[in-house]
């Protein structure tokens, strides 16, 4: 930063990114498909749905393998939203 008159530093001027790059405003990459990302967040919060021991899978109580299923659900929803939202951008 350069010193202005009387030895005081000049004020820092902040400009929006698009103005600093000299380009026009970019289109937003928001999509309605992004609402699906709430699904892997909301479902695990509904603990009464999976707060039990039976049925067991390979000796693991339902609660544990259901949690692992939520991880797989989250991965699948994220990949699907990325693919579908990417189609809208083109």
PDB file of N, CA and C in Angstrom:
ATOM      1  N   UNK A   1       0.841  -1.169   0.000  1.00  0.00           N
ATOM      2  CA  UNK A   1       0.000   0.000   0.000  1.00  0.00           C
ATOM      3  C   UNK A   1       0.888   1.235   0.000  1.00  0.00           C
ATOM      4  N   UNK A   2       0.524   2.219  -0.755  1.00  0.00           N
ATOM      5  CA  UNK A   2       1.319   3.425  -0.892  1.00  0.00           C
ATOM      6  C   UNK A   2       0.874   4.464   0.121  1.00  0.00           C
ATOM      7  N   UNK A   3       1.824   5.291   0.494  1.00  0.00           N
ATOM      8  CA  UNK A   3       1.487   6.379   1.414  1.00  0.00           C
ATOM      9  C   UNK A   3       0.905   7.536   0.621  1.00  0.00           C
ATOM     10  N   UNK A   4      -0.147   8.112   1.163  1.00  0.00           N
ATOM     11  CA  UNK A   4      -0.782   9.271   0.546  1.00  0.00           C
ATOM     12  C   UNK A   4      -0.172  10.543   1.119  1.00  0.00           C
ATOM     13  N   UNK A   5      -0.867  11.659   0.952  1.00  0.00           N
ATOM     14  CA  UNK A   5      -0.372  12.914   1.501  1.00  0.00           C
ATOM     15  C   UNK A   5      -0.285  12.833   3.019  1.00  0.00           C
ATOM     16  N   UNK A   6       0.633  13.523   3.581  1.00  0.00           N
ATOM     17  CA  UNK A   6       0.860  13.608   5.027  1.00  0.00           C
ATOM     18  C   UNK A   6       1.313  12.276   5.603  1.00  0.00           C
ATOM     19  N   UNK A   7       1.831  11.366   4.771  1.00  0.00           N
ATOM     20  CA  UNK A   7       2.395  10.124   5.257  1.00  0.00           C
ATOM     21  C   UNK A   7       1.379   9.085   5.709  1.00  0.00           C
ATOM     22  N   UNK A   8       0.096   9.328   5.484  1.00  0.00           N
ATOM     23  CA  UNK A   8      -0.932   8.359   5.873  1.00  0.00           C
ATOM     24  C   UNK A   8      -1.163   7.388   4.707  1.00  0.00           C
ATOM     25  N   UNK A   9      -1.418   6.119   5.019  1.00  0.00           N
ATOM     26  CA  UNK A   9      -1.662   5.157   3.946  1.00  0.00           C
ATOM     27  C   UNK A   9      -2.989   5.452   3.243  1.00  0.00           C
ATOM     28  N   UNK A  10      -3.011   5.212   1.934  1.00  0.00           N
ATOM     29  CA  UNK A  10      -4.248   5.368   1.169  1.00  0.00           C
ATOM     30  C   UNK A  10      -5.273   4.356   1.655  1.00  0.00           C
ATOM     31  N   UNK A  11      -6.545   4.670   1.447  1.00  0.00           N
ATOM     32  CA  UNK A  11      -7.609   3.743   1.822  1.00  0.00           C
ATOM     33  C   UNK A  11      -7.664   2.600   0.824  1.00  0.00           C
ATOM     34  N   UNK A  12      -7.957   1.441   1.320  1.00  0.00           N
ATOM     35  CA  UNK A  12      -8.086   0.262   0.490  1.00  0.00           C
ATOM     36  C   UNK A  12      -9.472   0.273  -0.142  1.00  0.00           C
ATOM     37  N   UNK A  13      -9.539   0.157  -1.446  1.00  0.00           N
ATOM     38  CA  UNK A  13     -10.812   0.156  -2.157  1.00  0.00           C
ATOM     39  C   UNK A  13     -11.098  -1.273  -2.591  1.00  0.00           C
ATOM     40  N   UNK A  14     -12.224  -1.798  -2.133  1.00  0.00           N
ATOM     41  CA  UNK A  14     -12.624  -3.154  -2.490  1.00  0.00           C
ATOM     42  C   UNK A  14     -13.636  -3.084  -3.618  1.00  0.00           C
ATOM     43  N   UNK A  15     -13.390  -3.842  -4.687  1.00  0.00           N
ATOM     44  CA  UNK A  15     -14.311  -3.904  -5.802  1.00  0.00           C
ATOM     45  C   UNK A  15     -14.798  -5.335  -5.959  1.00  0.00           C
ATOM     46  N   UNK A  16     -16.007  -5.523  -6.465  1.00  0.00           N
ATOM     47  CA  UNK A  16     -16.479  -6.888  -6.721  1.00  0.00           C
ATOM     48  C   UNK A  16     -15.543  -7.584  -7.700  1.00  0.00           C
ATOM     49  N   UNK A  17     -15.482  -8.899  -7.585  1.00  0.00           N
ATOM     50  CA  UNK A  17     -14.560  -9.685  -8.394  1.00  0.00           C
ATOM     51  C   UNK A  17     -14.782  -9.449  -9.884  1.00  0.00           C
ATOM     52  N   UNK A  18     -16.055  -9.412 -10.324  1.00  0.00           N
ATOM     53  CA  UNK A  18     -16.311  -9.261 -11.754  1.00  0.00           C
ATOM     54  C   UNK A  18     -15.853  -7.904 -12.258  1.00  0.00           C
ATOM     55  N   UNK A  19     -15.916  -6.866 -11.421  1.00  0.00           N
ATOM     56  CA  UNK A  19     -15.456  -5.546 -11.835  1.00  0.00           C
ATOM     57  C   UNK A  19     -13.929  -5.500 -11.880  1.00  0.00           C
ATOM     58  N   UNK A  20     -13.292  -6.193 -10.959  1.00  0.00           N
ATOM     59  CA  UNK A  20     -11.829  -6.194 -10.922  1.00  0.00           C
ATOM     60  C   UNK A  20     -11.252  -6.944 -12.113  1.00  0.00           C
ATOM     61  N   UNK A  21     -11.983  -7.939 -12.618  1.00  0.00           N
ATOM     62  CA  UNK A  21     -11.489  -8.714 -13.747  1.00  0.00           C
ATOM     63  C   UNK A  21     -11.879  -8.085 -15.078  1.00  0.00           C
ATOM     64  N   UNK A  22     -12.690  -7.058 -15.044  1.00  0.00           N
ATOM     65  CA  UNK A  22     -13.071  -6.377 -16.261  1.00  0.00           C
ATOM     66  C   UNK A  22     -14.141  -7.110 -17.057  1.00  0.00           C
ATOM     67  N   UNK A  23     -14.711  -8.150 -16.519  1.00  0.00           N
ATOM     68  CA  UNK A  23     -15.718  -8.918 -17.235  1.00  0.00           C
ATOM     69  C   UNK A  23     -17.119  -8.589 -16.759  1.00  0.00           C
ATOM     70  N   UNK A  24     -18.056  -9.240 -17.356  1.00  0.00           N
ATOM     71  CA  UNK A  24     -19.435  -9.037 -16.926  1.00  0.00           C
ATOM     72  C   UNK A  24     -19.740 -10.001 -15.785  1.00  0.00           C
ATOM     73  N   UNK A  25     -20.856  -9.797 -15.177  1.00  0.00           N
ATOM     74  CA  UNK A  25     -21.271 -10.626 -14.048  1.00  0.00           C
ATOM     75  C   UNK A  25     -21.538 -12.048 -14.531  1.00  0.00           C
ATOM     76  N   UNK A  26     -20.976 -13.035 -13.823  1.00  0.00           N
ATOM     77  CA  UNK A  26     -21.174 -14.431 -14.190  1.00  0.00           C
ATOM     78  C   UNK A  26     -22.534 -14.906 -13.750  1.00  0.00           C
ATOM     79  N   UNK A  27     -23.050 -15.884 -14.464  1.00  0.00           N
ATOM     80  CA  UNK A  27     -24.328 -16.483 -14.102  1.00  0.00           C
ATOM     81  C   UNK A  27     -24.180 -17.307 -12.838  1.00  0.00           C
ATOM     82  N   UNK A  28     -25.189 -17.303 -12.014  1.00  0.00           N
ATOM     83  CA  UNK A  28     -25.156 -18.093 -10.793  1.00  0.00           C
ATOM     84  C   UNK A  28     -25.286 -19.571 -11.144  1.00  0.00           C
ATOM     85  N   UNK A  29     -24.599 -20.419 -10.399  1.00  0.00           N
ATOM     86  CA  UNK A  29     -24.659 -21.853 -10.643  1.00  0.00           C
ATOM     87  C   UNK A  29     -25.648 -22.528  -9.707  1.00  0.00           C
ATOM     88  N   UNK A  30     -26.598 -21.783  -9.240  1.00  0.00           N
ATOM     89  CA  UNK A  30     -27.606 -22.376  -8.364  1.00  0.00           C
ATOM     90  C   UNK A  30     -28.598 -23.164  -9.201  1.00  0.00           C
ATOM     91  N   UNK A  31     -29.072 -24.239  -8.616  1.00  0.00           N
ATOM     92  CA  UNK A  31     -29.990 -25.115  -9.323  1.00  0.00           C
ATOM     93  C   UNK A  31     -31.007 -25.655  -8.326  1.00  0.00           C
ATOM     94  N   UNK A  32     -32.172 -25.985  -8.812  1.00  0.00           N
ATOM     95  CA  UNK A  32     -33.184 -26.592  -7.962  1.00  0.00           C
ATOM     96  C   UNK A  32     -32.771 -27.962  -7.452  1.00  0.00           C
ATOM     97  N   UNK A  33     -31.849 -28.591  -8.160  1.00  0.00           N
ATOM     98  CA  UNK A  33     -31.383 -29.920  -7.743  1.00  0.00           C
ATOM     99  C   UNK A  33     -30.638 -29.866  -6.421  1.00  0.00           C
ATOM    100  N   UNK A  34     -30.113 -28.721  -6.063  1.00  0.00           N
ATOM    101  CA  UNK A  34     -29.357 -28.611  -4.819  1.00  0.00           C
ATOM    102  C   UNK A  34     -30.229 -28.830  -3.583  1.00  0.00           C
ATOM    103  N   UNK A  35     -31.537 -28.688  -3.717  1.00  0.00           N
ATOM    104  CA  UNK A  35     -32.435 -28.961  -2.588  1.00  0.00           C
ATOM    105  C   UNK A  35     -32.362 -30.424  -2.165  1.00  0.00           C
ATOM    106  N   UNK A  36     -32.002 -31.301  -3.096  1.00  0.00           N
ATOM    107  CA  UNK A  36     -31.866 -32.721  -2.739  1.00  0.00           C
ATOM    108  C   UNK A  36     -30.759 -32.967  -1.724  1.00  0.00           C
ATOM    109  N   UNK A  37     -29.824 -32.036  -1.615  1.00  0.00           N
ATOM    110  CA  UNK A  37     -28.726 -32.205  -0.656  1.00  0.00           C
ATOM    111  C   UNK A  37     -29.215 -32.135   0.793  1.00  0.00           C
ATOM    112  N   UNK A  38     -30.436 -31.666   1.002  1.00  0.00           N
ATOM    113  CA  UNK A  38     -30.998 -31.659   2.355  1.00  0.00           C
ATOM    114  C   UNK A  38     -31.390 -33.066   2.809  1.00  0.00           C
ATOM    115  N   UNK A  39     -31.621 -33.946   1.859  1.00  0.00           N
ATOM    116  CA  UNK A  39     -32.043 -35.307   2.192  1.00  0.00           C
ATOM    117  C   UNK A  39     -31.033 -36.051   3.064  1.00  0.00           C
ATOM    118  N   UNK A  40     -29.742 -36.116   2.710  1.00  0.00           N
ATOM    119  CA  UNK A  40     -28.808 -36.831   3.583  1.00  0.00           C
ATOM    120  C   UNK A  40     -28.539 -36.110   4.901  1.00  0.00           C
ATOM    121  N   UNK A  41     -28.982 -34.880   5.033  1.00  0.00           N
ATOM    122  CA  UNK A  41     -28.836 -34.168   6.304  1.00  0.00           C
ATOM    123  C   UNK A  41     -30.046 -34.434   7.190  1.00  0.00           C
ATOM    124  N   UNK A  42     -31.230 -34.398   6.597  1.00  0.00           N
ATOM    125  CA  UNK A  42     -32.461 -34.515   7.380  1.00  0.00           C
ATOM    126  C   UNK A  42     -32.761 -35.950   7.814  1.00  0.00           C
ATOM    127  N   UNK A  43     -32.519 -36.918   6.949  1.00  0.00           N
ATOM    128  CA  UNK A  43     -32.883 -38.309   7.274  1.00  0.00           C
ATOM    129  C   UNK A  43     -32.149 -38.821   8.514  1.00  0.00           C
ATOM    130  N   UNK A  44     -30.829 -38.629   8.651  1.00  0.00           N
ATOM    131  CA  UNK A  44     -30.174 -39.120   9.872  1.00  0.00           C
ATOM    132  C   UNK A  44     -30.622 -38.406  11.148  1.00  0.00           C
ATOM    133  N   UNK A  45     -31.244 -37.256  11.014  1.00  0.00           N
ATOM    134  CA  UNK A  45     -31.737 -36.556  12.204  1.00  0.00           C
ATOM    135  C   UNK A  45     -33.037 -37.160  12.731  1.00  0.00           C
ATOM    136  N   UNK A  46     -33.676 -37.988  11.949  1.00  0.00           N
ATOM    137  CA  UNK A  46     -34.915 -38.640  12.361  1.00  0.00           C
ATOM    138  C   UNK A  46     -34.577 -39.947  13.080  1.00  0.00           C
ATOM    139  N   UNK A  47     -33.938 -39.839  14.240  1.00  0.00           N
ATOM    140  CA  UNK A  47     -33.446 -41.025  14.949  1.00  0.00           C
ATOM    141  C   UNK A  47     -34.525 -42.024  15.362  1.00  0.00           C
ATOM    142  N   UNK A  48     -35.774 -41.625  15.624  1.00  0.00           N
ATOM    143  CA  UNK A  48     -36.765 -42.663  15.970  1.00  0.00           C
ATOM    144  C   UNK A  48     -36.966 -43.700  14.859  1.00  0.00           C
ATOM    145  N   UNK A  49     -36.610 -43.359  13.632  1.00  0.00           N
ATOM    146  CA  UNK A  49     -36.769 -44.308  12.530  1.00  0.00           C
ATOM    147  C   UNK A  49     -35.770 -45.459  12.599  1.00  0.00           C
ATOM    148  N   UNK A  50     -34.613 -45.250  13.203  1.00  0.00           N
ATOM    149  CA  UNK A  50     -33.580 -46.297  13.186  1.00  0.00           C
ATOM    150  C   UNK A  50     -32.981 -46.566  14.559  1.00  0.00           C
ATOM    151  N   UNK A  51     -33.613 -46.127  15.612  1.00  0.00           N
ATOM    152  CA  UNK A  51     -33.104 -46.329  16.962  1.00  0.00           C
ATOM    153  C   UNK A  51     -33.586 -47.681  17.502  1.00  0.00           C
ATOM    154  N   UNK A  52     -33.006 -48.747  16.957  1.00  0.00           N
ATOM    155  CA  UNK A  52     -33.347 -50.103  17.401  1.00  0.00           C
ATOM    156  C   UNK A  52     -32.183 -51.041  17.108  1.00  0.00           C
ATOM    157  N   UNK A  53     -32.239 -52.233  17.654  1.00  0.00           N
ATOM    158  CA  UNK A  53     -31.153 -53.196  17.502  1.00  0.00           C
ATOM    159  C   UNK A  53     -31.442 -54.185  16.376  1.00  0.00           C
ATOM    160  N   UNK A  54     -32.668 -54.642  16.291  1.00  0.00           N
ATOM    161  CA  UNK A  54     -33.033 -55.644  15.279  1.00  0.00           C
ATOM    162  C   UNK A  54     -33.574 -54.948  14.044  1.00  0.00           C
ATOM    163  N   UNK A  55     -33.389 -55.447  12.882  1.00  0.00           N
ATOM    164  CA  UNK A  55     -32.688 -56.652  12.469  1.00  0.00           C
ATOM    165  C   UNK A  55     -31.184 -56.437  12.413  1.00  0.00           C
ATOM    166  N   UNK A  56     -30.452 -57.501  12.613  1.00  0.00           N
ATOM    167  CA  UNK A  56     -28.989 -57.446  12.561  1.00  0.00           C
ATOM    168  C   UNK A  56     -28.515 -57.837  11.165  1.00  0.00           C
ATOM    169  N   UNK A  57     -27.393 -57.269  10.769  1.00  0.00           N
ATOM    170  CA  UNK A  57     -26.791 -57.597   9.494  1.00  0.00           C
ATOM    171  C   UNK A  57     -25.331 -57.946   9.757  1.00  0.00           C
ATOM    172  N   UNK A  58     -24.959 -59.193   9.521  1.00  0.00           N
ATOM    173  CA  UNK A  58     -23.610 -59.697   9.811  1.00  0.00           C
ATOM    174  C   UNK A  58     -23.221 -59.451  11.270  1.00  0.00           C
ATOM    175  N   UNK A  59     -24.185 -59.527  12.169  1.00  0.00           N
ATOM    176  CA  UNK A  59     -23.936 -59.349  13.591  1.00  0.00           C
ATOM    177  C   UNK A  59     -23.975 -57.903  14.062  1.00  0.00           C
ATOM    178  N   UNK A  60     -24.090 -56.958  13.142  1.00  0.00           N
ATOM    179  CA  UNK A  60     -24.146 -55.546  13.522  1.00  0.00           C
ATOM    180  C   UNK A  60     -25.593 -55.132  13.755  1.00  0.00           C
ATOM    181  N   UNK A  61     -25.861 -54.415  14.848  1.00  0.00           N
ATOM    182  CA  UNK A  61     -27.223 -53.932  15.095  1.00  0.00           C
ATOM    183  C   UNK A  61     -27.678 -52.978  13.986  1.00  0.00           C
ATOM    184  N   UNK A  62     -28.983 -52.883  13.827  1.00  0.00           N
ATOM    185  CA  UNK A  62     -29.584 -52.052  12.785  1.00  0.00           C
ATOM    186  C   UNK A  62     -29.061 -50.619  12.828  1.00  0.00           C
ATOM    187  N   UNK A  63     -28.915 -50.067  14.025  1.00  0.00           N
ATOM    188  CA  UNK A  63     -28.489 -48.675  14.158  1.00  0.00           C
ATOM    189  C   UNK A  63     -27.173 -48.421  13.420  1.00  0.00           C
ATOM    190  N   UNK A  64     -26.205 -49.342  13.571  1.00  0.00           N
ATOM    191  CA  UNK A  64     -24.889 -49.128  12.979  1.00  0.00           C
ATOM    192  C   UNK A  64     -24.896 -49.289  11.467  1.00  0.00           C
ATOM    193  N   UNK A  65     -25.529 -50.354  10.965  1.00  0.00           N
ATOM    194  CA  UNK A  65     -25.490 -50.510   9.513  1.00  0.00           C
ATOM    195  C   UNK A  65     -26.417 -49.529   8.824  1.00  0.00           C
ATOM    196  N   UNK A  66     -27.402 -49.011   9.519  1.00  0.00           N
ATOM    197  CA  UNK A  66     -28.245 -47.956   8.952  1.00  0.00           C
ATOM    198  C   UNK A  66     -27.429 -46.661   8.811  1.00  0.00           C
ATOM    199  N   UNK A  67     -26.593 -46.371   9.808  1.00  0.00           N
ATOM    200  CA  UNK A  67     -25.723 -45.187   9.718  1.00  0.00           C
ATOM    201  C   UNK A  67     -24.781 -45.303   8.521  1.00  0.00           C
ATOM    202  N   UNK A  68     -24.259 -46.485   8.291  1.00  0.00           N
ATOM    203  CA  UNK A  68     -23.406 -46.695   7.125  1.00  0.00           C
ATOM    204  C   UNK A  68     -24.215 -46.506   5.838  1.00  0.00           C
ATOM    205  N   UNK A  69     -25.451 -46.919   5.868  1.00  0.00           N
ATOM    206  CA  UNK A  69     -26.334 -46.690   4.718  1.00  0.00           C
ATOM    207  C   UNK A  69     -26.561 -45.209   4.456  1.00  0.00           C
ATOM    208  N   UNK A  70     -26.607 -44.406   5.517  1.00  0.00           N
ATOM    209  CA  UNK A  70     -26.764 -42.957   5.340  1.00  0.00           C
ATOM    210  C   UNK A  70     -25.545 -42.344   4.658  1.00  0.00           C
ATOM    211  N   UNK A  71     -24.375 -42.895   4.930  1.00  0.00           N
ATOM    212  CA  UNK A  71     -23.160 -42.420   4.258  1.00  0.00           C
ATOM    213  C   UNK A  71     -23.262 -42.711   2.760  1.00  0.00           C
ATOM    214  N   UNK A  72     -23.693 -43.930   2.426  1.00  0.00           N
ATOM    215  CA  UNK A  72     -23.858 -44.302   1.024  1.00  0.00           C
ATOM    216  C   UNK A  72     -24.933 -43.433   0.376  1.00  0.00           C
ATOM    217  N   UNK A  73     -26.026 -43.169   1.094  1.00  0.00           N
ATOM    218  CA  UNK A  73     -27.086 -42.284   0.592  1.00  0.00           C
ATOM    219  C   UNK A  73     -26.529 -40.888   0.305  1.00  0.00           C
ATOM    220  N   UNK A  74     -25.748 -40.362   1.218  1.00  0.00           N
ATOM    221  CA  UNK A  74     -25.162 -39.033   1.029  1.00  0.00           C
ATOM    222  C   UNK A  74     -24.251 -38.976  -0.181  1.00  0.00           C
ATOM    223  N   UNK A  75     -23.452 -40.024  -0.368  1.00  0.00           N
ATOM    224  CA  UNK A  75     -22.558 -40.073  -1.542  1.00  0.00           C
ATOM    225  C   UNK A  75     -23.372 -40.133  -2.826  1.00  0.00           C
ATOM    226  N   UNK A  76     -24.407 -40.946  -2.825  1.00  0.00           N
ATOM    227  CA  UNK A  76     -25.233 -41.083  -4.029  1.00  0.00           C
ATOM    228  C   UNK A  76     -25.976 -39.807  -4.377  1.00  0.00           C
ATOM    229  N   UNK A  77     -26.550 -39.165  -3.369  1.00  0.00           N
ATOM    230  CA  UNK A  77     -27.279 -37.919  -3.618  1.00  0.00           C
ATOM    231  C   UNK A  77     -26.326 -36.827  -4.094  1.00  0.00           C
ATOM    232  N   UNK A  78     -25.154 -36.732  -3.473  1.00  0.00           N
ATOM    233  CA  UNK A  78     -24.182 -35.719  -3.882  1.00  0.00           C
ATOM    234  C   UNK A  78     -23.737 -35.934  -5.323  1.00  0.00           C
ATOM    235  N   UNK A  79     -23.445 -37.167  -5.693  1.00  0.00           N
ATOM    236  CA  UNK A  79     -23.025 -37.457  -7.070  1.00  0.00           C
ATOM    237  C   UNK A  79     -24.152 -37.160  -8.056  1.00  0.00           C
ATOM    238  N   UNK A  80     -25.379 -37.514  -7.686  1.00  0.00           N
ATOM    239  CA  UNK A  80     -26.519 -37.262  -8.567  1.00  0.00           C
ATOM    240  C   UNK A  80     -26.753 -35.772  -8.761  1.00  0.00           C
ATOM    241  N   UNK A  81     -26.720 -35.014  -7.682  1.00  0.00           N
ATOM    242  CA  UNK A  81     -26.927 -33.568  -7.785  1.00  0.00           C
ATOM    243  C   UNK A  81     -25.824 -32.933  -8.615  1.00  0.00           C
ATOM    244  N   UNK A  82     -24.611 -33.369  -8.442  1.00  0.00           N
ATOM    245  CA  UNK A  82     -23.496 -32.802  -9.219  1.00  0.00           C
ATOM    246  C   UNK A  82     -23.693 -33.069 -10.700  1.00  0.00           C
ATOM    247  N   UNK A  83     -24.110 -34.274 -11.022  1.00  0.00           N
ATOM    248  CA  UNK A  83     -24.316 -34.629 -12.425  1.00  0.00           C
ATOM    249  C   UNK A  83     -25.506 -33.858 -13.021  1.00  0.00           C
ATOM    250  N   UNK A  84     -26.618 -33.801 -12.304  1.00  0.00           N
ATOM    251  CA  UNK A  84     -27.808 -33.127 -12.831  1.00  0.00           C
ATOM    252  C   UNK A  84     -27.629 -31.615 -12.899  1.00  0.00           C
ATOM    253  N   UNK A  85     -26.985 -31.023 -11.897  1.00  0.00           N
ATOM    254  CA  UNK A  85     -26.755 -29.586 -11.925  1.00  0.00           C
ATOM    255  C   UNK A  85     -25.733 -29.221 -12.983  1.00  0.00           C
ATOM    256  N   UNK A  86     -24.799 -30.115 -13.257  1.00  0.00           N
ATOM    257  CA  UNK A  86     -23.817 -29.874 -14.311  1.00  0.00           C
ATOM    258  C   UNK A  86     -24.443 -29.845 -15.690  1.00  0.00           C
ATOM    259  N   UNK A  87     -25.488 -30.629 -15.898  1.00  0.00           N
ATOM    260  CA  UNK A  87     -26.195 -30.609 -17.183  1.00  0.00           C
ATOM    261  C   UNK A  87     -26.878 -29.281 -17.424  1.00  0.00           C
ATOM    262  N   UNK A  88     -27.397 -28.675 -16.360  1.00  0.00           N
ATOM    263  CA  UNK A  88     -28.089 -27.396 -16.497  1.00  0.00           C
ATOM    264  C   UNK A  88     -27.118 -26.271 -16.853  1.00  0.00           C
ATOM    265  N   UNK A  89     -25.870 -26.390 -16.440  1.00  0.00           N
ATOM    266  CA  UNK A  89     -24.886 -25.334 -16.709  1.00  0.00           C
ATOM    267  C   UNK A  89     -24.521 -25.253 -18.181  1.00  0.00           C
ATOM    268  N   UNK A  90     -24.575 -26.370 -18.857  1.00  0.00           N
ATOM    269  CA  UNK A  90     -24.129 -26.410 -20.254  1.00  0.00           C
ATOM    270  C   UNK A  90     -25.110 -25.762 -21.178  1.00  0.00           C
TER     271      UNK A  90
END
